[in-house]
PDB file of all heavy atoms in Angstrom:
ATOM      1  N   LEU A   1    -122.826  67.404 117.261  1.00  0.00           N
ATOM      2  CA  LEU A   1    -121.712  66.517 116.910  1.00  0.00           C
ATOM      3  C   LEU A   1    -122.175  65.113 117.257  1.00  0.00           C
ATOM      4  O   LEU A   1    -122.324  64.762 118.431  1.00  0.00           O
ATOM      5  CB  LEU A   1    -120.454  66.894 117.700  1.00  0.00           C
ATOM      6  CG  LEU A   1    -119.236  65.971 117.571  1.00  0.00           C
ATOM      7  CD1 LEU A   1    -118.736  65.899 116.134  1.00  0.00           C
ATOM      8  CD2 LEU A   1    -118.109  66.410 118.515  1.00  0.00           C
ATOM      9  N   VAL A   2    -122.477  64.326 116.220  1.00  0.00           N
ATOM     10  CA  VAL A   2    -123.088  63.000 116.403  1.00  0.00           C
ATOM     11  C   VAL A   2    -122.003  61.935 116.265  1.00  0.00           C
ATOM     12  O   VAL A   2    -121.287  61.877 115.259  1.00  0.00           O
ATOM     13  CB  VAL A   2    -124.212  62.771 115.376  1.00  0.00           C
ATOM     14  CG1 VAL A   2    -124.825  61.381 115.546  1.00  0.00           C
ATOM     15  CG2 VAL A   2    -125.289  63.856 115.521  1.00  0.00           C
ATOM     16  N   LEU A   3    -121.885  61.070 117.274  1.00  0.00           N
ATOM     17  CA  LEU A   3    -120.830  60.054 117.323  1.00  0.00           C
ATOM     18  C   LEU A   3    -121.422  58.663 117.116  1.00  0.00           C
ATOM     19  O   LEU A   3    -122.366  58.273 117.817  1.00  0.00           O
ATOM     20  CB  LEU A   3    -120.119  60.108 118.687  1.00  0.00           C
ATOM     21  CG  LEU A   3    -119.745  61.495 119.246  1.00  0.00           C
ATOM     22  CD1 LEU A   3    -119.075  61.346 120.611  1.00  0.00           C
ATOM     23  CD2 LEU A   3    -118.844  62.244 118.281  1.00  0.00           C
ATOM     24  N   LEU A   4    -120.868  57.932 116.165  1.00  0.00           N
ATOM     25  CA  LEU A   4    -121.337  56.568 115.868  1.00  0.00           C
ATOM     26  C   LEU A   4    -120.258  55.567 116.236  1.00  0.00           C
ATOM     27  O   LEU A   4    -119.146  55.608 115.699  1.00  0.00           O
ATOM     28  CB  LEU A   4    -121.706  56.444 114.385  1.00  0.00           C
ATOM     29  CG  LEU A   4    -122.759  57.421 113.851  1.00  0.00           C
ATOM     30  CD1 LEU A   4    -123.029  57.146 112.371  1.00  0.00           C
ATOM     31  CD2 LEU A   4    -124.057  57.334 114.656  1.00  0.00           C
ATOM     32  N   HIS A   5    -120.605  54.664 117.142  1.00  0.00           N
ATOM     33  CA  HIS A   5    -119.632  53.677 117.631  1.00  0.00           C
ATOM     34  C   HIS A   5    -119.545  52.471 116.703  1.00  0.00           C
ATOM     35  O   HIS A   5    -120.376  52.282 115.806  1.00  0.00           O
ATOM     36  CB  HIS A   5    -119.995  53.245 119.051  1.00  0.00           C
ATOM     37  CG  HIS A   5    -121.344  52.592 119.168  1.00  0.00           C
ATOM     38  ND1 HIS A   5    -121.577  51.288 118.825  1.00  0.00           N
ATOM     39  CD2 HIS A   5    -122.549  53.082 119.591  1.00  0.00           C
ATOM     40  CE1 HIS A   5    -122.839  50.983 119.037  1.00  0.00           C
ATOM     41  NE2 HIS A   5    -123.466  52.062 119.492  1.00  0.00           N
ATOM     42  N   GLY A   6    -118.530  51.649 116.935  1.00  0.00           N
ATOM     43  CA  GLY A   6    -118.283  50.480 116.088  1.00  0.00           C
ATOM     44  C   GLY A   6    -118.941  49.214 116.611  1.00  0.00           C
ATOM     45  O   GLY A   6    -119.765  49.248 117.539  1.00  0.00           O
ATOM     46  N   LEU A   7    -118.530  48.105 116.041  1.00  0.00           N
ATOM     47  CA  LEU A   7    -119.159  46.801 116.313  1.00  0.00           C
ATOM     48  C   LEU A   7    -118.998  46.385 117.771  1.00  0.00           C
ATOM     49  O   LEU A   7    -119.904  45.833 118.376  1.00  0.00           O
ATOM     50  CB  LEU A   7    -118.544  45.740 115.389  1.00  0.00           C
ATOM     51  CG  LEU A   7    -119.242  44.405 115.251  1.00  0.00           C
ATOM     52  CD1 LEU A   7    -120.701  44.567 114.880  1.00  0.00           C
ATOM     53  CD2 LEU A   7    -118.549  43.537 114.202  1.00  0.00           C
ATOM     54  N   PHE A   8    -117.821  46.625 118.334  1.00  0.00           N
ATOM     55  CA  PHE A   8    -117.601  46.301 119.752  1.00  0.00           C
ATOM     56  C   PHE A   8    -117.439  47.579 120.567  1.00  0.00           C
ATOM     57  O   PHE A   8    -116.908  47.575 121.653  1.00  0.00           O
ATOM     58  CB  PHE A   8    -116.358  45.424 119.910  1.00  0.00           C
ATOM     59  CG  PHE A   8    -116.534  44.052 119.338  1.00  0.00           C
ATOM     60  CD1 PHE A   8    -116.029  43.741 118.082  1.00  0.00           C
ATOM     61  CD2 PHE A   8    -117.215  43.070 120.029  1.00  0.00           C
ATOM     62  CE1 PHE A   8    -116.196  42.481 117.537  1.00  0.00           C
ATOM     63  CE2 PHE A   8    -117.383  41.802 119.495  1.00  0.00           C
ATOM     64  CZ  PHE A   8    -116.885  41.505 118.249  1.00  0.00           C
ATOM     65  N   GLY A   9    -117.887  48.698 119.986  1.00  0.00           N
ATOM     66  CA  GLY A   9    -117.649  49.999 120.605  1.00  0.00           C
ATOM     67  C   GLY A   9    -118.599  50.268 121.747  1.00  0.00           C
ATOM     68  O   GLY A   9    -119.806  50.348 121.552  1.00  0.00           O
ATOM     69  N   ALA A  10    -118.042  50.415 122.944  1.00  0.00           N
ATOM     70  CA  ALA A  10    -118.848  50.827 124.090  1.00  0.00           C
ATOM     71  C   ALA A  10    -118.912  52.348 124.120  1.00  0.00           C
ATOM     72  O   ALA A  10    -118.084  53.034 123.515  1.00  0.00           O
ATOM     73  CB  ALA A  10    -118.217  50.293 125.372  1.00  0.00           C
ATOM     74  N   LEU A  11    -119.883  52.875 124.838  1.00  0.00           N
ATOM     75  CA  LEU A  11    -119.995  54.328 124.951  1.00  0.00           C
ATOM     76  C   LEU A  11    -118.758  54.918 125.617  1.00  0.00           C
ATOM     77  O   LEU A  11    -118.391  56.064 125.367  1.00  0.00           O
ATOM     78  CB  LEU A  11    -121.252  54.689 125.742  1.00  0.00           C
ATOM     79  CG  LEU A  11    -122.581  54.283 125.087  1.00  0.00           C
ATOM     80  CD1 LEU A  11    -123.745  54.658 125.978  1.00  0.00           C
ATOM     81  CD2 LEU A  11    -122.734  54.926 123.722  1.00  0.00           C
ATOM     82  N   SER A  12    -118.096  54.117 126.457  1.00  0.00           N
ATOM     83  CA  SER A  12    -116.887  54.588 127.139  1.00  0.00           C
ATOM     84  C   SER A  12    -115.773  54.940 126.150  1.00  0.00           C
ATOM     85  O   SER A  12    -114.882  55.726 126.470  1.00  0.00           O
ATOM     86  CB  SER A  12    -116.380  53.529 128.126  1.00  0.00           C
ATOM     87  OG  SER A  12    -116.098  52.315 127.442  1.00  0.00           O
ATOM     88  N   ASN A  13    -115.844  54.384 124.928  1.00  0.00           N
ATOM     89  CA  ASN A  13    -114.846  54.718 123.896  1.00  0.00           C
ATOM     90  C   ASN A  13    -114.814  56.216 123.620  1.00  0.00           C
ATOM     91  O   ASN A  13    -113.803  56.757 123.196  1.00  0.00           O
ATOM     92  CB  ASN A  13    -115.162  54.009 122.567  1.00  0.00           C
ATOM     93  CG  ASN A  13    -115.010  52.502 122.651  1.00  0.00           C
ATOM     94  OD1 ASN A  13    -114.995  51.938 123.739  1.00  0.00           O
ATOM     95  ND2 ASN A  13    -114.924  51.856 121.518  1.00  0.00           N
ATOM     96  N   PHE A  14    -115.946  56.873 123.828  1.00  0.00           N
ATOM     97  CA  PHE A  14    -116.073  58.287 123.488  1.00  0.00           C
ATOM     98  C   PHE A  14    -115.987  59.207 124.708  1.00  0.00           C
ATOM     99  O   PHE A  14    -116.238  60.406 124.599  1.00  0.00           O
ATOM    100  CB  PHE A  14    -117.425  58.538 122.795  1.00  0.00           C
ATOM    101  CG  PHE A  14    -117.515  57.960 121.403  1.00  0.00           C
ATOM    102  CD1 PHE A  14    -118.616  57.194 121.035  1.00  0.00           C
ATOM    103  CD2 PHE A  14    -116.530  58.188 120.465  1.00  0.00           C
ATOM    104  CE1 PHE A  14    -118.724  56.678 119.741  1.00  0.00           C
ATOM    105  CE2 PHE A  14    -116.619  57.674 119.171  1.00  0.00           C
ATOM    106  CZ  PHE A  14    -117.724  56.919 118.811  1.00  0.00           C
ATOM    107  N   LYS A  15    -115.633  58.663 125.862  1.00  0.00           N
ATOM    108  CA  LYS A  15    -115.692  59.454 127.101  1.00  0.00           C
ATOM    109  C   LYS A  15    -114.900  60.755 126.994  1.00  0.00           C
ATOM    110  O   LYS A  15    -115.420  61.838 127.280  1.00  0.00           O
ATOM    111  CB  LYS A  15    -115.170  58.625 128.280  1.00  0.00           C
ATOM    112  CG  LYS A  15    -115.213  59.399 129.597  1.00  0.00           C
ATOM    113  CD  LYS A  15    -114.573  58.661 130.745  1.00  0.00           C
ATOM    114  CE  LYS A  15    -114.698  59.467 132.036  1.00  0.00           C
ATOM    115  NZ  LYS A  15    -114.143  60.831 131.953  1.00  0.00           N
ATOM    116  N   ASP A  16    -113.628  60.676 126.587  1.00  0.00           N
ATOM    117  CA  ASP A  16    -112.790  61.882 126.527  1.00  0.00           C
ATOM    118  C   ASP A  16    -113.296  62.858 125.473  1.00  0.00           C
ATOM    119  O   ASP A  16    -113.207  64.077 125.652  1.00  0.00           O
ATOM    120  CB  ASP A  16    -111.336  61.491 126.233  1.00  0.00           C
ATOM    121  CG  ASP A  16    -110.717  60.713 127.393  1.00  0.00           C
ATOM    122  OD1 ASP A  16    -110.510  61.316 128.451  1.00  0.00           O
ATOM    123  OD2 ASP A  16    -110.456  59.511 127.232  1.00  0.00           O
ATOM    124  N   LEU A  17    -113.820  62.313 124.389  1.00  0.00           N
ATOM    125  CA  LEU A  17    -114.343  63.147 123.312  1.00  0.00           C
ATOM    126  C   LEU A  17    -115.576  63.916 123.799  1.00  0.00           C
ATOM    127  O   LEU A  17    -115.703  65.120 123.569  1.00  0.00           O
ATOM    128  CB  LEU A  17    -114.677  62.251 122.115  1.00  0.00           C
ATOM    129  CG  LEU A  17    -114.624  62.880 120.719  1.00  0.00           C
ATOM    130  CD1 LEU A  17    -114.469  61.787 119.673  1.00  0.00           C
ATOM    131  CD2 LEU A  17    -115.863  63.659 120.423  1.00  0.00           C
ATOM    132  N   ILE A  18    -116.470  63.222 124.505  1.00  0.00           N
ATOM    133  CA  ILE A  18    -117.677  63.875 125.035  1.00  0.00           C
ATOM    134  C   ILE A  18    -117.283  64.937 126.061  1.00  0.00           C
ATOM    135  O   ILE A  18    -117.766  66.075 126.023  1.00  0.00           O
ATOM    136  CB  ILE A  18    -118.641  62.848 125.677  1.00  0.00           C
ATOM    137  CG1 ILE A  18    -119.130  61.834 124.639  1.00  0.00           C
ATOM    138  CG2 ILE A  18    -119.833  63.565 126.316  1.00  0.00           C
ATOM    139  CD1 ILE A  18    -119.835  60.628 125.244  1.00  0.00           C
ATOM    140  N   ASP A  19    -116.387  64.564 126.993  1.00  0.00           N
ATOM    141  CA  ASP A  19    -115.969  65.492 128.048  1.00  0.00           C
ATOM    142  C   ASP A  19    -115.431  66.794 127.451  1.00  0.00           C
ATOM    143  O   ASP A  19    -115.700  67.880 127.967  1.00  0.00           O
ATOM    144  CB  ASP A  19    -114.866  64.864 128.923  1.00  0.00           C
ATOM    145  CG  ASP A  19    -115.405  63.797 129.863  1.00  0.00           C
ATOM    146  OD1 ASP A  19    -116.640  63.700 130.011  1.00  0.00           O
ATOM    147  OD2 ASP A  19    -114.595  63.062 130.448  1.00  0.00           O
ATOM    148  N   TYR A  20    -114.675  66.673 126.382  1.00  0.00           N
ATOM    149  CA  TYR A  20    -114.044  67.843 125.770  1.00  0.00           C
ATOM    150  C   TYR A  20    -115.040  68.659 124.938  1.00  0.00           C
ATOM    151  O   TYR A  20    -115.172  69.870 125.118  1.00  0.00           O
ATOM    152  CB  TYR A  20    -112.875  67.386 124.897  1.00  0.00           C
ATOM    153  CG  TYR A  20    -112.102  68.529 124.256  1.00  0.00           C
ATOM    154  CD1 TYR A  20    -111.080  69.165 124.936  1.00  0.00           C
ATOM    155  CD2 TYR A  20    -112.420  68.967 122.971  1.00  0.00           C
ATOM    156  CE1 TYR A  20    -110.376  70.213 124.354  1.00  0.00           C
ATOM    157  CE2 TYR A  20    -111.728  70.021 122.383  1.00  0.00           C
ATOM    158  CZ  TYR A  20    -110.706  70.639 123.082  1.00  0.00           C
ATOM    159  OH  TYR A  20    -110.027  71.679 122.513  1.00  0.00           O
ATOM    160  N   PHE A  21    -115.750  67.994 124.042  1.00  0.00           N
ATOM    161  CA  PHE A  21    -116.551  68.736 123.054  1.00  0.00           C
ATOM    162  C   PHE A  21    -117.904  69.199 123.577  1.00  0.00           C
ATOM    163  O   PHE A  21    -118.538  70.053 122.958  1.00  0.00           O
ATOM    164  CB  PHE A  21    -116.704  67.924 121.763  1.00  0.00           C
ATOM    165  CG  PHE A  21    -115.498  68.027 120.884  1.00  0.00           C
ATOM    166  CD1 PHE A  21    -114.540  67.025 120.888  1.00  0.00           C
ATOM    167  CD2 PHE A  21    -115.275  69.149 120.097  1.00  0.00           C
ATOM    168  CE1 PHE A  21    -113.397  67.140 120.114  1.00  0.00           C
ATOM    169  CE2 PHE A  21    -114.137  69.270 119.310  1.00  0.00           C
ATOM    170  CZ  PHE A  21    -113.189  68.268 119.324  1.00  0.00           C
ATOM    171  N   LYS A  22    -118.335  68.697 124.741  1.00  0.00           N
ATOM    172  CA  LYS A  22    -119.612  69.204 125.285  1.00  0.00           C
ATOM    173  C   LYS A  22    -119.493  70.677 125.682  1.00  0.00           C
ATOM    174  O   LYS A  22    -120.504  71.346 125.897  1.00  0.00           O
ATOM    175  CB  LYS A  22    -120.071  68.347 126.466  1.00  0.00           C
ATOM    176  CG  LYS A  22    -119.219  68.493 127.713  1.00  0.00           C
ATOM    177  CD  LYS A  22    -119.765  67.649 128.859  1.00  0.00           C
ATOM    178  CE  LYS A  22    -118.932  67.869 130.116  1.00  0.00           C
ATOM    179  NZ  LYS A  22    -119.447  67.073 131.246  1.00  0.00           N
ATOM    180  N   GLN A  23    -118.249  71.185 125.763  1.00  0.00           N
ATOM    181  CA  GLN A  23    -118.045  72.613 126.044  1.00  0.00           C
ATOM    182  C   GLN A  23    -118.373  73.477 124.822  1.00  0.00           C
ATOM    183  O   GLN A  23    -118.599  74.677 124.943  1.00  0.00           O
ATOM    184  CB  GLN A  23    -116.581  72.873 126.421  1.00  0.00           C
ATOM    185  CG  GLN A  23    -116.040  72.039 127.570  1.00  0.00           C
ATOM    186  CD  GLN A  23    -114.531  72.180 127.670  1.00  0.00           C
ATOM    187  OE1 GLN A  23    -114.022  73.157 128.205  1.00  0.00           O
ATOM    188  NE2 GLN A  23    -113.809  71.213 127.130  1.00  0.00           N
ATOM    189  N   TYR A  24    -118.357  72.856 123.636  1.00  0.00           N
ATOM    190  CA  TYR A  24    -118.487  73.621 122.387  1.00  0.00           C
ATOM    191  C   TYR A  24    -119.682  73.193 121.528  1.00  0.00           C
ATOM    192  O   TYR A  24    -120.144  73.964 120.696  1.00  0.00           O
ATOM    193  CB  TYR A  24    -117.221  73.454 121.535  1.00  0.00           C
ATOM    194  CG  TYR A  24    -115.943  73.696 122.303  1.00  0.00           C
ATOM    195  CD1 TYR A  24    -115.183  72.633 122.791  1.00  0.00           C
ATOM    196  CD2 TYR A  24    -115.510  74.999 122.565  1.00  0.00           C
ATOM    197  CE1 TYR A  24    -114.016  72.858 123.508  1.00  0.00           C
ATOM    198  CE2 TYR A  24    -114.339  75.230 123.278  1.00  0.00           C
ATOM    199  CZ  TYR A  24    -113.593  74.152 123.748  1.00  0.00           C
ATOM    200  OH  TYR A  24    -112.444  74.389 124.464  1.00  0.00           O
ATOM    201  N   ASN A  25    -120.116  71.945 121.686  1.00  0.00           N
ATOM    202  CA  ASN A  25    -121.140  71.369 120.810  1.00  0.00           C
ATOM    203  C   ASN A  25    -122.202  70.651 121.624  1.00  0.00           C
ATOM    204  O   ASN A  25    -121.994  70.297 122.781  1.00  0.00           O
ATOM    205  CB  ASN A  25    -120.519  70.335 119.848  1.00  0.00           C
ATOM    206  CG  ASN A  25    -119.593  70.963 118.835  1.00  0.00           C
ATOM    207  OD1 ASN A  25    -118.433  71.238 119.123  1.00  0.00           O
ATOM    208  ND2 ASN A  25    -120.094  71.199 117.635  1.00  0.00           N
ATOM    209  N   ARG A  26    -123.323  70.387 120.962  1.00  0.00           N
ATOM    210  CA  ARG A  26    -124.290  69.424 121.498  1.00  0.00           C
ATOM    211  C   ARG A  26    -123.787  68.049 121.049  1.00  0.00           C
ATOM    212  O   ARG A  26    -123.909  67.700 119.864  1.00  0.00           O
ATOM    213  CB  ARG A  26    -125.684  69.693 120.927  1.00  0.00           C
ATOM    214  CG  ARG A  26    -126.775  68.811 121.536  1.00  0.00           C
ATOM    215  CD  ARG A  26    -128.099  69.051 120.834  1.00  0.00           C
ATOM    216  NE  ARG A  26    -128.523  70.431 120.904  1.00  0.00           N
ATOM    217  CZ  ARG A  26    -129.220  70.966 121.908  1.00  0.00           C
ATOM    218  NH1 ARG A  26    -129.593  70.211 122.910  1.00  0.00           N
ATOM    219  NH2 ARG A  26    -129.563  72.242 121.879  1.00  0.00           N
ATOM    220  N   VAL A  27    -123.204  67.300 121.961  1.00  0.00           N
ATOM    221  CA  VAL A  27    -122.609  66.000 121.611  1.00  0.00           C
ATOM    222  C   VAL A  27    -123.668  64.918 121.798  1.00  0.00           C
ATOM    223  O   VAL A  27    -124.252  64.773 122.878  1.00  0.00           O
ATOM    224  CB  VAL A  27    -121.370  65.689 122.480  1.00  0.00           C
ATOM    225  CG1 VAL A  27    -120.726  64.387 122.024  1.00  0.00           C
ATOM    226  CG2 VAL A  27    -120.352  66.830 122.391  1.00  0.00           C
ATOM    227  N   VAL A  28    -123.912  64.172 120.727  1.00  0.00           N
ATOM    228  CA  VAL A  28    -124.997  63.186 120.709  1.00  0.00           C
ATOM    229  C   VAL A  28    -124.423  61.818 120.349  1.00  0.00           C
ATOM    230  O   VAL A  28    -123.704  61.681 119.352  1.00  0.00           O
ATOM    231  CB  VAL A  28    -126.069  63.580 119.665  1.00  0.00           C
ATOM    232  CG1 VAL A  28    -127.207  62.564 119.658  1.00  0.00           C
ATOM    233  CG2 VAL A  28    -126.598  64.984 119.932  1.00  0.00           C
ATOM    234  N   VAL A  29    -124.719  60.823 121.173  1.00  0.00           N
ATOM    235  CA  VAL A  29    -124.250  59.462 120.895  1.00  0.00           C
ATOM    236  C   VAL A  29    -125.447  58.517 120.882  1.00  0.00           C
ATOM    237  O   VAL A  29    -125.919  58.085 121.947  1.00  0.00           O
ATOM    238  CB  VAL A  29    -123.228  58.977 121.951  1.00  0.00           C
ATOM    239  CG1 VAL A  29    -122.558  57.680 121.478  1.00  0.00           C
ATOM    240  CG2 VAL A  29    -122.188  60.036 122.263  1.00  0.00           C
ATOM    241  N   PRO A  30    -126.000  58.200 119.714  1.00  0.00           N
ATOM    242  CA  PRO A  30    -127.069  57.196 119.679  1.00  0.00           C
ATOM    243  C   PRO A  30    -126.494  55.810 119.952  1.00  0.00           C
ATOM    244  O   PRO A  30    -125.391  55.485 119.500  1.00  0.00           O
ATOM    245  CB  PRO A  30    -127.593  57.284 118.245  1.00  0.00           C
ATOM    246  CG  PRO A  30    -126.461  57.841 117.445  1.00  0.00           C
ATOM    247  CD  PRO A  30    -125.655  58.705 118.368  1.00  0.00           C
ATOM    248  N   ILE A  31    -127.200  55.021 120.722  1.00  0.00           N
ATOM    249  CA  ILE A  31    -126.772  53.641 120.962  1.00  0.00           C
ATOM    250  C   ILE A  31    -127.315  52.808 119.799  1.00  0.00           C
ATOM    251  O   ILE A  31    -128.527  52.622 119.667  1.00  0.00           O
ATOM    252  CB  ILE A  31    -127.288  53.134 122.319  1.00  0.00           C
ATOM    253  CG1 ILE A  31    -126.712  54.017 123.436  1.00  0.00           C
ATOM    254  CG2 ILE A  31    -126.921  51.672 122.523  1.00  0.00           C
ATOM    255  CD1 ILE A  31    -127.266  53.745 124.809  1.00  0.00           C
ATOM    256  N   LEU A  32    -126.419  52.365 118.946  1.00  0.00           N
ATOM    257  CA  LEU A  32    -126.841  51.638 117.741  1.00  0.00           C
ATOM    258  C   LEU A  32    -127.372  50.258 118.128  1.00  0.00           C
ATOM    259  O   LEU A  32    -126.747  49.545 118.927  1.00  0.00           O
ATOM    260  CB  LEU A  32    -125.676  51.512 116.760  1.00  0.00           C
ATOM    261  CG  LEU A  32    -125.088  52.836 116.245  1.00  0.00           C
ATOM    262  CD1 LEU A  32    -123.927  52.573 115.295  1.00  0.00           C
ATOM    263  CD2 LEU A  32    -126.157  53.676 115.552  1.00  0.00           C
ATOM    264  N   PRO A  33    -128.502  49.847 117.553  1.00  0.00           N
ATOM    265  CA  PRO A  33    -129.134  48.570 117.933  1.00  0.00           C
ATOM    266  C   PRO A  33    -128.479  47.381 117.216  1.00  0.00           C
ATOM    267  O   PRO A  33    -129.117  46.678 116.433  1.00  0.00           O
ATOM    268  CB  PRO A  33    -130.585  48.778 117.482  1.00  0.00           C
ATOM    269  CG  PRO A  33    -130.460  49.646 116.270  1.00  0.00           C
ATOM    270  CD  PRO A  33    -129.287  50.562 116.527  1.00  0.00           C
ATOM    271  N   LEU A  34    -127.192  47.168 117.514  1.00  0.00           N
ATOM    272  CA  LEU A  34    -126.441  46.129 116.802  1.00  0.00           C
ATOM    273  C   LEU A  34    -127.075  44.748 116.974  1.00  0.00           C
ATOM    274  O   LEU A  34    -126.995  43.913 116.077  1.00  0.00           O
ATOM    275  CB  LEU A  34    -124.996  46.087 117.318  1.00  0.00           C
ATOM    276  CG  LEU A  34    -124.202  47.391 117.223  1.00  0.00           C
ATOM    277  CD1 LEU A  34    -122.817  47.204 117.822  1.00  0.00           C
ATOM    278  CD2 LEU A  34    -124.090  47.861 115.777  1.00  0.00           C
ATOM    279  N   PHE A  35    -127.698  44.525 118.136  1.00  0.00           N
ATOM    280  CA  PHE A  35    -128.218  43.192 118.432  1.00  0.00           C
ATOM    281  C   PHE A  35    -129.742  43.168 118.538  1.00  0.00           C
ATOM    282  O   PHE A  35    -130.324  42.166 118.940  1.00  0.00           O
ATOM    283  CB  PHE A  35    -127.595  42.669 119.735  1.00  0.00           C
ATOM    284  CG  PHE A  35    -126.097  42.774 119.741  1.00  0.00           C
ATOM    285  CD1 PHE A  35    -125.453  43.594 120.644  1.00  0.00           C
ATOM    286  CD2 PHE A  35    -125.333  42.074 118.814  1.00  0.00           C
ATOM    287  CE1 PHE A  35    -124.071  43.705 120.644  1.00  0.00           C
ATOM    288  CE2 PHE A  35    -123.954  42.177 118.803  1.00  0.00           C
ATOM    289  CZ  PHE A  35    -123.320  42.990 119.716  1.00  0.00           C
ATOM    290  N   ASP A  36    -130.382  44.284 118.186  1.00  0.00           N
ATOM    291  CA  ASP A  36    -131.835  44.389 118.395  1.00  0.00           C
ATOM    292  C   ASP A  36    -132.659  44.417 117.117  1.00  0.00           C
ATOM    293  O   ASP A  36    -133.875  44.256 117.158  1.00  0.00           O
ATOM    294  CB  ASP A  36    -132.155  45.648 119.221  1.00  0.00           C
ATOM    295  CG  ASP A  36    -131.463  45.632 120.572  1.00  0.00           C
ATOM    296  OD1 ASP A  36    -131.319  44.531 121.138  1.00  0.00           O
ATOM    297  OD2 ASP A  36    -131.037  46.705 121.040  1.00  0.00           O
ATOM    298  N   LEU A  37    -132.006  44.666 115.982  1.00  0.00           N
ATOM    299  CA  LEU A  37    -132.748  44.648 114.715  1.00  0.00           C
ATOM    300  C   LEU A  37    -133.025  43.204 114.316  1.00  0.00           C
ATOM    301  O   LEU A  37    -132.310  42.283 114.716  1.00  0.00           O
ATOM    302  CB  LEU A  37    -131.912  45.327 113.618  1.00  0.00           C
ATOM    303  CG  LEU A  37    -131.595  46.819 113.809  1.00  0.00           C
ATOM    304  CD1 LEU A  37    -130.646  47.291 112.714  1.00  0.00           C
ATOM    305  CD2 LEU A  37    -132.874  47.661 113.804  1.00  0.00           C
ATOM    306  N   ASN A  38    -134.075  42.997 113.494  1.00  0.00           N
ATOM    307  CA  ASN A  38    -134.266  41.631 112.999  1.00  0.00           C
ATOM    308  C   ASN A  38    -133.122  41.294 112.058  1.00  0.00           C
ATOM    309  O   ASN A  38    -132.427  42.176 111.556  1.00  0.00           O
ATOM    310  CB  ASN A  38    -135.652  41.446 112.353  1.00  0.00           C
ATOM    311  CG  ASN A  38    -135.777  42.169 111.023  1.00  0.00           C
ATOM    312  OD1 ASN A  38    -134.949  42.004 110.123  1.00  0.00           O
ATOM    313  ND2 ASN A  38    -136.823  42.962 110.869  1.00  0.00           N
ATOM    314  N   ILE A  39    -132.919  40.027 111.812  1.00  0.00           N
ATOM    315  CA  ILE A  39    -131.708  39.582 111.115  1.00  0.00           C
ATOM    316  C   ILE A  39    -131.608  40.172 109.705  1.00  0.00           C
ATOM    317  O   ILE A  39    -130.515  40.471 109.224  1.00  0.00           O
ATOM    318  CB  ILE A  39    -131.603  38.030 111.094  1.00  0.00           C
ATOM    319  CG1 ILE A  39    -130.186  37.565 110.722  1.00  0.00           C
ATOM    320  CG2 ILE A  39    -132.647  37.423 110.184  1.00  0.00           C
ATOM    321  CD1 ILE A  39    -129.127  37.872 111.739  1.00  0.00           C
ATOM    322  N   LEU A  40    -132.739  40.409 109.043  1.00  0.00           N
ATOM    323  CA  LEU A  40    -132.708  40.970 107.692  1.00  0.00           C
ATOM    324  C   LEU A  40    -132.262  42.431 107.693  1.00  0.00           C
ATOM    325  O   LEU A  40    -131.714  42.923 106.720  1.00  0.00           O
ATOM    326  CB  LEU A  40    -134.082  40.849 107.019  1.00  0.00           C
ATOM    327  CG  LEU A  40    -134.514  39.423 106.660  1.00  0.00           C
ATOM    328  CD1 LEU A  40    -135.924  39.425 106.095  1.00  0.00           C
ATOM    329  CD2 LEU A  40    -133.549  38.792 105.650  1.00  0.00           C
TER     330      LEU A  40
END
């Protein structure tokens, strides 16, 4: 179960979701490189 956060989304946004679904799924949250990609 892969979770993608928003523009101002911190990982804490998904805390309750991770806590719950880790009992049933492999819960994966990639940290999106919003500020690390080159501008193009």
